[in-house]
Amino acid sequence: YRQGPEKQREVVASITRNSNTNYADSMKGRFTISRDNA
């Protein structure tokens, strides 16, 4: 999540236990979320 000067905390990206990912529209194509369970 991000919290900018407007002080509103907004989701940027998320990843599930099965590695399914979701992105905010403004971040698609530029940001990548991943996980390393180990």
PDB file of all heavy atoms in Angstrom:
ATOM      1  N   TYR A   1       0.842  -1.186   0.000  1.00  0.00           N
ATOM      2  CA  TYR A   1       0.000   0.000   0.000  1.00  0.00           C
ATOM      3  C   TYR A   1       0.879   1.238   0.000  1.00  0.00           C
ATOM      4  O   TYR A   1       2.031   1.197   0.418  1.00  0.00           O
ATOM      5  CB  TYR A   1      -0.911   0.026   1.231  1.00  0.00           C
ATOM      6  CG  TYR A   1      -1.927  -1.101   1.272  1.00  0.00           C
ATOM      7  CD1 TYR A   1      -1.541  -2.398   1.571  1.00  0.00           C
ATOM      8  CD2 TYR A   1      -3.269  -0.844   1.017  1.00  0.00           C
ATOM      9  CE1 TYR A   1      -2.464  -3.427   1.614  1.00  0.00           C
ATOM     10  CE2 TYR A   1      -4.203  -1.865   1.064  1.00  0.00           C
ATOM     11  CZ  TYR A   1      -3.792  -3.152   1.364  1.00  0.00           C
ATOM     12  OH  TYR A   1      -4.721  -4.163   1.406  1.00  0.00           O
ATOM     13  N   ARG A   2       0.330   2.334  -0.470  1.00  0.00           N
ATOM     14  CA  ARG A   2       1.030   3.596  -0.454  1.00  0.00           C
ATOM     15  C   ARG A   2       0.242   4.640   0.314  1.00  0.00           C
ATOM     16  O   ARG A   2      -0.991   4.610   0.337  1.00  0.00           O
ATOM     17  CB  ARG A   2       1.293   4.102  -1.886  1.00  0.00           C
ATOM     18  CG  ARG A   2       0.023   4.529  -2.613  1.00  0.00           C
ATOM     19  CD  ARG A   2       0.301   5.018  -4.039  1.00  0.00           C
ATOM     20  NE  ARG A   2       1.181   6.165  -4.102  1.00  0.00           N
ATOM     21  CZ  ARG A   2       0.788   7.427  -3.955  1.00  0.00           C
ATOM     22  NH1 ARG A   2      -0.489   7.717  -3.718  1.00  0.00           N
ATOM     23  NH2 ARG A   2       1.677   8.414  -4.046  1.00  0.00           N
ATOM     24  N   GLN A   3       0.950   5.548   0.929  1.00  0.00           N
ATOM     25  CA  GLN A   3       0.334   6.671   1.610  1.00  0.00           C
ATOM     26  C   GLN A   3       1.118   7.921   1.243  1.00  0.00           C
ATOM     27  O   GLN A   3       2.232   8.124   1.720  1.00  0.00           O
ATOM     28  CB  GLN A   3       0.302   6.471   3.121  1.00  0.00           C
ATOM     29  CG  GLN A   3      -0.470   7.538   3.864  1.00  0.00           C
ATOM     30  CD  GLN A   3      -0.751   7.147   5.303  1.00  0.00           C
ATOM     31  OE1 GLN A   3      -0.843   5.971   5.639  1.00  0.00           O
ATOM     32  NE2 GLN A   3      -0.880   8.143   6.159  1.00  0.00           N
ATOM     33  N   GLY A   4       0.526   8.735   0.378  1.00  0.00           N
ATOM     34  CA  GLY A   4       1.168   9.947  -0.091  1.00  0.00           C
ATOM     35  C   GLY A   4       0.768  11.152   0.721  1.00  0.00           C
ATOM     36  O   GLY A   4       0.200  11.032   1.812  1.00  0.00           O
ATOM     37  N   PRO A   5       1.066  12.339   0.197  1.00  0.00           N
ATOM     38  CA  PRO A   5       0.746  13.582   0.910  1.00  0.00           C
ATOM     39  C   PRO A   5      -0.730  13.732   1.237  1.00  0.00           C
ATOM     40  O   PRO A   5      -1.074  14.418   2.207  1.00  0.00           O
ATOM     41  CB  PRO A   5       1.211  14.673  -0.062  1.00  0.00           C
ATOM     42  CG  PRO A   5       2.259  14.009  -0.896  1.00  0.00           C
ATOM     43  CD  PRO A   5       1.785  12.597  -1.067  1.00  0.00           C
ATOM     44  N   GLU A   6      -1.588  13.111   0.437  1.00  0.00           N
ATOM     45  CA  GLU A   6      -3.026  13.186   0.693  1.00  0.00           C
ATOM     46  C   GLU A   6      -3.432  12.364   1.900  1.00  0.00           C
ATOM     47  O   GLU A   6      -4.579  12.438   2.346  1.00  0.00           O
ATOM     48  CB  GLU A   6      -3.801  12.743  -0.553  1.00  0.00           C
ATOM     49  CG  GLU A   6      -3.746  11.247  -0.846  1.00  0.00           C
ATOM     50  CD  GLU A   6      -2.446  10.807  -1.493  1.00  0.00           C
ATOM     51  OE1 GLU A   6      -1.571  11.665  -1.723  1.00  0.00           O
ATOM     52  OE2 GLU A   6      -2.295   9.610  -1.767  1.00  0.00           O
ATOM     53  N   LYS A   7      -2.519  11.536   2.403  1.00  0.00           N
ATOM     54  CA  LYS A   7      -2.668  10.739   3.620  1.00  0.00           C
ATOM     55  C   LYS A   7      -3.673   9.612   3.502  1.00  0.00           C
ATOM     56  O   LYS A   7      -4.032   9.013   4.513  1.00  0.00           O
ATOM     57  CB  LYS A   7      -3.011  11.646   4.808  1.00  0.00           C
ATOM     58  CG  LYS A   7      -1.956  12.698   5.105  1.00  0.00           C
ATOM     59  CD  LYS A   7      -2.319  13.515   6.315  1.00  0.00           C
ATOM     60  CE  LYS A   7      -1.252  14.553   6.600  1.00  0.00           C
ATOM     61  NZ  LYS A   7      -1.581  15.377   7.795  1.00  0.00           N
ATOM     62  N   GLN A   8      -4.122   9.306   2.308  1.00  0.00           N
ATOM     63  CA  GLN A   8      -5.020   8.183   2.083  1.00  0.00           C
ATOM     64  C   GLN A   8      -4.192   6.954   1.717  1.00  0.00           C
ATOM     65  O   GLN A   8      -3.444   6.977   0.742  1.00  0.00           O
ATOM     66  CB  GLN A   8      -6.026   8.501   0.977  1.00  0.00           C
ATOM     67  CG  GLN A   8      -6.974   7.360   0.643  1.00  0.00           C
ATOM     68  CD  GLN A   8      -7.949   7.076   1.757  1.00  0.00           C
ATOM     69  OE1 GLN A   8      -8.400   7.988   2.442  1.00  0.00           O
ATOM     70  NE2 GLN A   8      -8.287   5.808   1.948  1.00  0.00           N
ATOM     71  N   ARG A   9      -4.320   5.890   2.490  1.00  0.00           N
ATOM     72  CA  ARG A   9      -3.584   4.672   2.217  1.00  0.00           C
ATOM     73  C   ARG A   9      -4.326   3.862   1.151  1.00  0.00           C
ATOM     74  O   ARG A   9      -5.485   3.490   1.333  1.00  0.00           O
ATOM     75  CB  ARG A   9      -3.402   3.846   3.489  1.00  0.00           C
ATOM     76  CG  ARG A   9      -2.401   2.708   3.341  1.00  0.00           C
ATOM     77  CD  ARG A   9      -2.050   2.079   4.682  1.00  0.00           C
ATOM     78  NE  ARG A   9      -1.367   3.029   5.566  1.00  0.00           N
ATOM     79  CZ  ARG A   9      -0.851   2.709   6.753  1.00  0.00           C
ATOM     80  NH1 ARG A   9      -0.942   1.465   7.199  1.00  0.00           N
ATOM     81  NH2 ARG A   9      -0.262   3.634   7.489  1.00  0.00           N
ATOM     82  N   GLU A  10      -3.641   3.594   0.043  1.00  0.00           N
ATOM     83  CA  GLU A  10      -4.244   2.941  -1.103  1.00  0.00           C
ATOM     84  C   GLU A  10      -3.460   1.696  -1.481  1.00  0.00           C
ATOM     85  O   GLU A  10      -2.235   1.662  -1.378  1.00  0.00           O
ATOM     86  CB  GLU A  10      -4.295   3.893  -2.303  1.00  0.00           C
ATOM     87  CG  GLU A  10      -5.053   5.182  -2.047  1.00  0.00           C
ATOM     88  CD  GLU A  10      -4.930   6.161  -3.189  1.00  0.00           C
ATOM     89  OE1 GLU A  10      -3.881   6.145  -3.870  1.00  0.00           O
ATOM     90  OE2 GLU A  10      -5.883   6.932  -3.402  1.00  0.00           O
ATOM     91  N   VAL A  11      -4.170   0.690  -1.955  1.00  0.00           N
ATOM     92  CA  VAL A  11      -3.517  -0.539  -2.368  1.00  0.00           C
ATOM     93  C   VAL A  11      -2.731  -0.315  -3.656  1.00  0.00           C
ATOM     94  O   VAL A  11      -3.179   0.395  -4.562  1.00  0.00           O
ATOM     95  CB  VAL A  11      -4.539  -1.684  -2.538  1.00  0.00           C
ATOM     96  CG1 VAL A  11      -5.519  -1.378  -3.667  1.00  0.00           C
ATOM     97  CG2 VAL A  11      -3.837  -3.005  -2.763  1.00  0.00           C
ATOM     98  N   VAL A  12      -1.551  -0.896  -3.718  1.00  0.00           N
ATOM     99  CA  VAL A  12      -0.696  -0.840  -4.890  1.00  0.00           C
ATOM    100  C   VAL A  12      -0.704  -2.178  -5.620  1.00  0.00           C
ATOM    101  O   VAL A  12      -0.905  -2.238  -6.831  1.00  0.00           O
ATOM    102  CB  VAL A  12       0.748  -0.460  -4.515  1.00  0.00           C
ATOM    103  CG1 VAL A  12       1.666  -0.547  -5.727  1.00  0.00           C
ATOM    104  CG2 VAL A  12       0.787   0.933  -3.904  1.00  0.00           C
ATOM    105  N   ALA A  13      -0.478  -3.243  -4.868  1.00  0.00           N
ATOM    106  CA  ALA A  13      -0.440  -4.585  -5.432  1.00  0.00           C
ATOM    107  C   ALA A  13      -0.635  -5.590  -4.314  1.00  0.00           C
ATOM    108  O   ALA A  13      -0.365  -5.297  -3.148  1.00  0.00           O
ATOM    109  CB  ALA A  13       0.880  -4.852  -6.156  1.00  0.00           C
ATOM    110  N   SER A  14      -1.101  -6.768  -4.662  1.00  0.00           N
ATOM    111  CA  SER A  14      -1.270  -7.825  -3.680  1.00  0.00           C
ATOM    112  C   SER A  14      -0.960  -9.172  -4.307  1.00  0.00           C
ATOM    113  O   SER A  14      -1.023  -9.332  -5.528  1.00  0.00           O
ATOM    114  CB  SER A  14      -2.684  -7.822  -3.094  1.00  0.00           C
ATOM    115  OG  SER A  14      -3.655  -8.100  -4.093  1.00  0.00           O
ATOM    116  N   ILE A  15      -0.640 -10.132  -3.451  1.00  0.00           N
ATOM    117  CA  ILE A  15      -0.341 -11.477  -3.924  1.00  0.00           C
ATOM    118  C   ILE A  15      -0.915 -12.479  -2.931  1.00  0.00           C
ATOM    119  O   ILE A  15      -0.776 -12.327  -1.715  1.00  0.00           O
ATOM    120  CB  ILE A  15       1.181 -11.674  -4.123  1.00  0.00           C
ATOM    121  CG1 ILE A  15       1.473 -13.032  -4.752  1.00  0.00           C
ATOM    122  CG2 ILE A  15       1.934 -11.481  -2.810  1.00  0.00           C
ATOM    123  CD1 ILE A  15       2.900 -13.150  -5.276  1.00  0.00           C
ATOM    124  N   THR A  16      -1.597 -13.495  -3.445  1.00  0.00           N
ATOM    125  CA  THR A  16      -2.233 -14.493  -2.602  1.00  0.00           C
ATOM    126  C   THR A  16      -1.275 -15.615  -2.270  1.00  0.00           C
ATOM    127  O   THR A  16      -0.152 -15.683  -2.770  1.00  0.00           O
ATOM    128  CB  THR A  16      -3.477 -15.071  -3.283  1.00  0.00           C
ATOM    129  OG1 THR A  16      -3.065 -15.897  -4.393  1.00  0.00           O
ATOM    130  CG2 THR A  16      -4.393 -13.971  -3.794  1.00  0.00           C
ATOM    131  N   ARG A  17      -1.733 -16.539  -1.433  1.00  0.00           N
ATOM    132  CA  ARG A  17      -0.929 -17.700  -1.074  1.00  0.00           C
ATOM    133  C   ARG A  17      -0.638 -18.573  -2.285  1.00  0.00           C
ATOM    134  O   ARG A  17       0.343 -19.315  -2.291  1.00  0.00           O
ATOM    135  CB  ARG A  17      -1.628 -18.521   0.008  1.00  0.00           C
ATOM    136  CG  ARG A  17      -3.030 -18.977  -0.392  1.00  0.00           C
ATOM    137  CD  ARG A  17      -3.672 -19.808   0.708  1.00  0.00           C
ATOM    138  NE  ARG A  17      -2.985 -21.089   0.885  1.00  0.00           N
ATOM    139  CZ  ARG A  17      -3.332 -22.010   1.781  1.00  0.00           C
ATOM    140  NH1 ARG A  17      -4.366 -21.779   2.601  1.00  0.00           N
ATOM    141  NH2 ARG A  17      -2.657 -23.132   1.878  1.00  0.00           N
ATOM    142  N   ASN A  18      -1.488 -18.494  -3.304  1.00  0.00           N
ATOM    143  CA  ASN A  18      -1.290 -19.243  -4.532  1.00  0.00           C
ATOM    144  C   ASN A  18      -0.577 -18.437  -5.609  1.00  0.00           C
ATOM    145  O   ASN A  18      -0.540 -18.840  -6.769  1.00  0.00           O
ATOM    146  CB  ASN A  18      -2.631 -19.736  -5.066  1.00  0.00           C
ATOM    147  CG  ASN A  18      -3.309 -20.706  -4.127  1.00  0.00           C
ATOM    148  OD1 ASN A  18      -2.669 -21.602  -3.592  1.00  0.00           O
ATOM    149  ND2 ASN A  18      -4.606 -20.533  -3.920  1.00  0.00           N
ATOM    150  N   SER A  19      -0.035 -17.280  -5.212  1.00  0.00           N
ATOM    151  CA  SER A  19       0.738 -16.403  -6.092  1.00  0.00           C
ATOM    152  C   SER A  19      -0.100 -15.740  -7.171  1.00  0.00           C
ATOM    153  O   SER A  19       0.435 -15.319  -8.202  1.00  0.00           O
ATOM    154  CB  SER A  19       1.911 -17.163  -6.729  1.00  0.00           C
ATOM    155  OG  SER A  19       2.837 -17.576  -5.735  1.00  0.00           O
ATOM    156  N   ASN A  20      -1.400 -15.629  -6.956  1.00  0.00           N
ATOM    157  CA  ASN A  20      -2.219 -14.801  -7.829  1.00  0.00           C
ATOM    158  C   ASN A  20      -1.976 -13.340  -7.474  1.00  0.00           C
ATOM    159  O   ASN A  20      -1.912 -12.977  -6.300  1.00  0.00           O
ATOM    160  CB  ASN A  20      -3.696 -15.131  -7.670  1.00  0.00           C
ATOM    161  CG  ASN A  20      -4.017 -16.529  -8.139  1.00  0.00           C
ATOM    162  OD1 ASN A  20      -3.524 -16.978  -9.168  1.00  0.00           O
ATOM    163  ND2 ASN A  20      -4.866 -17.232  -7.390  1.00  0.00           N
ATOM    164  N   THR A  21      -1.858 -12.498  -8.475  1.00  0.00           N
ATOM    165  CA  THR A  21      -1.497 -11.103  -8.248  1.00  0.00           C
ATOM    166  C   THR A  21      -2.568 -10.149  -8.739  1.00  0.00           C
ATOM    167  O   THR A  21      -3.310 -10.445  -9.674  1.00  0.00           O
ATOM    168  CB  THR A  21      -0.170 -10.755  -8.928  1.00  0.00           C
ATOM    169  OG1 THR A  21      -0.279 -10.992 -10.338  1.00  0.00           O
ATOM    170  CG2 THR A  21       0.958 -11.607  -8.370  1.00  0.00           C
ATOM    171  N   ASN A  22      -2.625  -8.992  -8.106  1.00  0.00           N
ATOM    172  CA  ASN A  22      -3.508  -7.905  -8.507  1.00  0.00           C
ATOM    173  C   ASN A  22      -2.745  -6.595  -8.383  1.00  0.00           C
ATOM    174  O   ASN A  22      -1.918  -6.430  -7.484  1.00  0.00           O
ATOM    175  CB  ASN A  22      -4.764  -7.860  -7.644  1.00  0.00           C
ATOM    176  CG  ASN A  22      -5.686  -9.032  -7.889  1.00  0.00           C
ATOM    177  OD1 ASN A  22      -6.373  -9.077  -8.901  1.00  0.00           O
ATOM    178  ND2 ASN A  22      -5.698  -9.988  -6.972  1.00  0.00           N
ATOM    179  N   TYR A  23      -3.036  -5.664  -9.288  1.00  0.00           N
ATOM    180  CA  TYR A  23      -2.353  -4.387  -9.305  1.00  0.00           C
ATOM    181  C   TYR A  23      -3.347  -3.250  -9.457  1.00  0.00           C
ATOM    182  O   TYR A  23      -4.377  -3.392 -10.121  1.00  0.00           O
ATOM    183  CB  TYR A  23      -1.355  -4.310 -10.459  1.00  0.00           C
ATOM    184  CG  TYR A  23      -0.253  -5.338 -10.409  1.00  0.00           C
ATOM    185  CD1 TYR A  23      -0.404  -6.570 -11.033  1.00  0.00           C
ATOM    186  CD2 TYR A  23       0.938  -5.070  -9.747  1.00  0.00           C
ATOM    187  CE1 TYR A  23       0.604  -7.517 -10.990  1.00  0.00           C
ATOM    188  CE2 TYR A  23       1.948  -6.009  -9.698  1.00  0.00           C
ATOM    189  CZ  TYR A  23       1.779  -7.236 -10.324  1.00  0.00           C
ATOM    190  OH  TYR A  23       2.784  -8.168 -10.280  1.00  0.00           O
ATOM    191  N   ALA A  24      -3.016  -2.126  -8.856  1.00  0.00           N
ATOM    192  CA  ALA A  24      -3.755  -0.915  -9.158  1.00  0.00           C
ATOM    193  C   ALA A  24      -3.512  -0.552 -10.618  1.00  0.00           C
ATOM    194  O   ALA A  24      -2.425  -0.780 -11.149  1.00  0.00           O
ATOM    195  CB  ALA A  24      -3.308   0.221  -8.245  1.00  0.00           C
ATOM    196  N   ASP A  25      -4.524   0.017 -11.267  1.00  0.00           N
ATOM    197  CA  ASP A  25      -4.429   0.294 -12.696  1.00  0.00           C
ATOM    198  C   ASP A  25      -3.226   1.162 -13.044  1.00  0.00           C
ATOM    199  O   ASP A  25      -2.582   0.956 -14.069  1.00  0.00           O
ATOM    200  CB  ASP A  25      -5.709   0.963 -13.190  1.00  0.00           C
ATOM    201  CG  ASP A  25      -6.881   0.000 -13.245  1.00  0.00           C
ATOM    202  OD1 ASP A  25      -6.654  -1.220 -13.263  1.00  0.00           O
ATOM    203  OD2 ASP A  25      -8.034   0.473 -13.277  1.00  0.00           O
ATOM    204  N   SER A  26      -2.917   2.127 -12.206  1.00  0.00           N
ATOM    205  CA  SER A  26      -1.812   3.033 -12.487  1.00  0.00           C
ATOM    206  C   SER A  26      -0.449   2.368 -12.375  1.00  0.00           C
ATOM    207  O   SER A  26       0.547   2.925 -12.841  1.00  0.00           O
ATOM    208  CB  SER A  26      -1.875   4.246 -11.558  1.00  0.00           C
ATOM    209  OG  SER A  26      -1.757   3.853 -10.204  1.00  0.00           O
ATOM    210  N   MET A  27      -0.385   1.190 -11.764  1.00  0.00           N
ATOM    211  CA  MET A  27       0.871   0.487 -11.563  1.00  0.00           C
ATOM    212  C   MET A  27       1.108  -0.632 -12.574  1.00  0.00           C
ATOM    213  O   MET A  27       2.231  -1.135 -12.677  1.00  0.00           O
ATOM    214  CB  MET A  27       0.933  -0.113 -10.157  1.00  0.00           C
ATOM    215  CG  MET A  27       0.459   0.807  -9.057  1.00  0.00           C
ATOM    216  SD  MET A  27       1.410   2.337  -8.970  1.00  0.00           S
ATOM    217  CE  MET A  27       0.530   3.168  -7.635  1.00  0.00           C
ATOM    218  N   LYS A  28       0.080  -1.036 -13.280  1.00  0.00           N
ATOM    219  CA  LYS A  28       0.201  -2.150 -14.216  1.00  0.00           C
ATOM    220  C   LYS A  28       1.244  -1.859 -15.279  1.00  0.00           C
ATOM    221  O   LYS A  28       1.288  -0.779 -15.852  1.00  0.00           O
ATOM    222  CB  LYS A  28      -1.146  -2.442 -14.869  1.00  0.00           C
ATOM    223  CG  LYS A  28      -2.177  -3.034 -13.928  1.00  0.00           C
ATOM    224  CD  LYS A  28      -3.486  -3.324 -14.653  1.00  0.00           C
ATOM    225  CE  LYS A  28      -4.510  -3.933 -13.719  1.00  0.00           C
ATOM    226  NZ  LYS A  28      -5.810  -4.176 -14.403  1.00  0.00           N
ATOM    227  N   GLY A  29       2.093  -2.847 -15.521  1.00  0.00           N
ATOM    228  CA  GLY A  29       3.135  -2.715 -16.524  1.00  0.00           C
ATOM    229  C   GLY A  29       4.412  -2.109 -15.994  1.00  0.00           C
ATOM    230  O   GLY A  29       5.446  -2.181 -16.671  1.00  0.00           O
ATOM    231  N   ARG A  30       4.384  -1.518 -14.814  1.00  0.00           N
ATOM    232  CA  ARG A  30       5.572  -0.909 -14.227  1.00  0.00           C
ATOM    233  C   ARG A  30       6.000  -1.588 -12.934  1.00  0.00           C
ATOM    234  O   ARG A  30       7.191  -1.677 -12.659  1.00  0.00           O
ATOM    235  CB  ARG A  30       5.339   0.576 -13.965  1.00  0.00           C
ATOM    236  CG  ARG A  30       5.061   1.392 -15.218  1.00  0.00           C
ATOM    237  CD  ARG A  30       5.071   2.887 -14.928  1.00  0.00           C
ATOM    238  NE  ARG A  30       4.017   3.269 -13.992  1.00  0.00           N
ATOM    239  CZ  ARG A  30       4.226   3.815 -12.802  1.00  0.00           C
ATOM    240  NH1 ARG A  30       5.457   4.054 -12.388  1.00  0.00           N
ATOM    241  NH2 ARG A  30       3.209   4.147 -12.023  1.00  0.00           N
ATOM    242  N   PHE A  31       5.039  -2.042 -12.142  1.00  0.00           N
ATOM    243  CA  PHE A  31       5.337  -2.674 -10.862  1.00  0.00           C
ATOM    244  C   PHE A  31       5.069  -4.169 -10.942  1.00  0.00           C
ATOM    245  O   PHE A  31       4.146  -4.608 -11.623  1.00  0.00           O
ATOM    246  CB  PHE A  31       4.474  -2.083  -9.745  1.00  0.00           C
ATOM    247  CG  PHE A  31       4.806  -0.660  -9.382  1.00  0.00           C
ATOM    248  CD1 PHE A  31       5.704   0.089 -10.123  1.00  0.00           C
ATOM    249  CD2 PHE A  31       4.204  -0.069  -8.282  1.00  0.00           C
ATOM    250  CE1 PHE A  31       6.007   1.398  -9.785  1.00  0.00           C
ATOM    251  CE2 PHE A  31       4.498   1.236  -7.928  1.00  0.00           C
ATOM    252  CZ  PHE A  31       5.392   1.969  -8.672  1.00  0.00           C
ATOM    253  N   THR A  32       5.871  -4.947 -10.212  1.00  0.00           N
ATOM    254  CA  THR A  32       5.704  -6.386 -10.162  1.00  0.00           C
ATOM    255  C   THR A  32       5.835  -6.871  -8.721  1.00  0.00           C
ATOM    256  O   THR A  32       6.824  -6.570  -8.056  1.00  0.00           O
ATOM    257  CB  THR A  32       6.740  -7.114 -11.030  1.00  0.00           C
ATOM    258  OG1 THR A  32       6.648  -6.662 -12.384  1.00  0.00           O
ATOM    259  CG2 THR A  32       6.495  -8.618 -10.996  1.00  0.00           C
ATOM    260  N   ILE A  33       4.844  -7.611  -8.248  1.00  0.00           N
ATOM    261  CA  ILE A  33       4.880  -8.176  -6.916  1.00  0.00           C
ATOM    262  C   ILE A  33       5.192  -9.666  -7.014  1.00  0.00           C
ATOM    263  O   ILE A  33       4.715 -10.354  -7.916  1.00  0.00           O
ATOM    264  CB  ILE A  33       3.557  -7.931  -6.154  1.00  0.00           C
ATOM    265  CG1 ILE A  33       3.691  -8.335  -4.681  1.00  0.00           C
ATOM    266  CG2 ILE A  33       2.389  -8.648  -6.813  1.00  0.00           C
ATOM    267  CD1 ILE A  33       2.503  -7.902  -3.827  1.00  0.00           C
ATOM    268  N   SER A  34       6.000 -10.161  -6.095  1.00  0.00           N
ATOM    269  CA  SER A  34       6.365 -11.572  -6.072  1.00  0.00           C
ATOM    270  C   SER A  34       6.624 -11.998  -4.636  1.00  0.00           C
ATOM    271  O   SER A  34       6.755 -11.155  -3.745  1.00  0.00           O
ATOM    272  CB  SER A  34       7.594 -11.836  -6.945  1.00  0.00           C
ATOM    273  OG  SER A  34       8.712 -11.118  -6.465  1.00  0.00           O
ATOM    274  N   ARG A  35       6.692 -13.310  -4.413  1.00  0.00           N
ATOM    275  CA  ARG A  35       6.947 -13.792  -3.063  1.00  0.00           C
ATOM    276  C   ARG A  35       7.938 -14.944  -3.071  1.00  0.00           C
ATOM    277  O   ARG A  35       8.010 -15.730  -4.011  1.00  0.00           O
ATOM    278  CB  ARG A  35       5.639 -14.213  -2.370  1.00  0.00           C
ATOM    279  CG  ARG A  35       4.943 -15.429  -2.973  1.00  0.00           C
ATOM    280  CD  ARG A  35       3.555 -15.614  -2.339  1.00  0.00           C
ATOM    281  NE  ARG A  35       3.636 -15.864  -0.910  1.00  0.00           N
ATOM    282  CZ  ARG A  35       2.644 -15.633  -0.039  1.00  0.00           C
ATOM    283  NH1 ARG A  35       1.492 -15.111  -0.474  1.00  0.00           N
ATOM    284  NH2 ARG A  35       2.798 -15.917   1.250  1.00  0.00           N
ATOM    285  N   ASP A  36       8.697 -15.034  -1.987  1.00  0.00           N
ATOM    286  CA  ASP A  36       9.635 -16.109  -1.758  1.00  0.00           C
ATOM    287  C   ASP A  36       9.303 -16.684  -0.389  1.00  0.00           C
ATOM    288  O   ASP A  36       9.684 -16.131   0.641  1.00  0.00           O
ATOM    289  CB  ASP A  36      11.075 -15.599  -1.812  1.00  0.00           C
ATOM    290  CG  ASP A  36      12.103 -16.711  -1.707  1.00  0.00           C
ATOM    291  OD1 ASP A  36      11.797 -17.777  -1.154  1.00  0.00           O
ATOM    292  OD2 ASP A  36      13.235 -16.515  -2.186  1.00  0.00           O
ATOM    293  N   ASN A  37       8.577 -17.785  -0.373  1.00  0.00           N
ATOM    294  CA  ASN A  37       8.099 -18.347   0.886  1.00  0.00           C
ATOM    295  C   ASN A  37       9.245 -18.839   1.774  1.00  0.00           C
ATOM    296  O   ASN A  37       9.146 -18.790   2.998  1.00  0.00           O
ATOM    297  CB  ASN A  37       7.119 -19.486   0.619  1.00  0.00           C
ATOM    298  CG  ASN A  37       5.799 -18.998   0.064  1.00  0.00           C
ATOM    299  OD1 ASN A  37       5.439 -17.834   0.217  1.00  0.00           O
ATOM    300  ND2 ASN A  37       5.061 -19.884  -0.588  1.00  0.00           N
ATOM    301  N   ALA A  38      10.313 -19.325   1.169  1.00  0.00           N
ATOM    302  CA  ALA A  38      11.452 -19.801   1.942  1.00  0.00           C
ATOM    303  C   ALA A  38      12.087 -18.675   2.743  1.00  0.00           C
ATOM    304  O   ALA A  38      12.587 -18.891   3.850  1.00  0.00           O
ATOM    305  CB  ALA A  38      12.482 -20.454   1.030  1.00  0.00           C
TER     306      ALA A  38
END
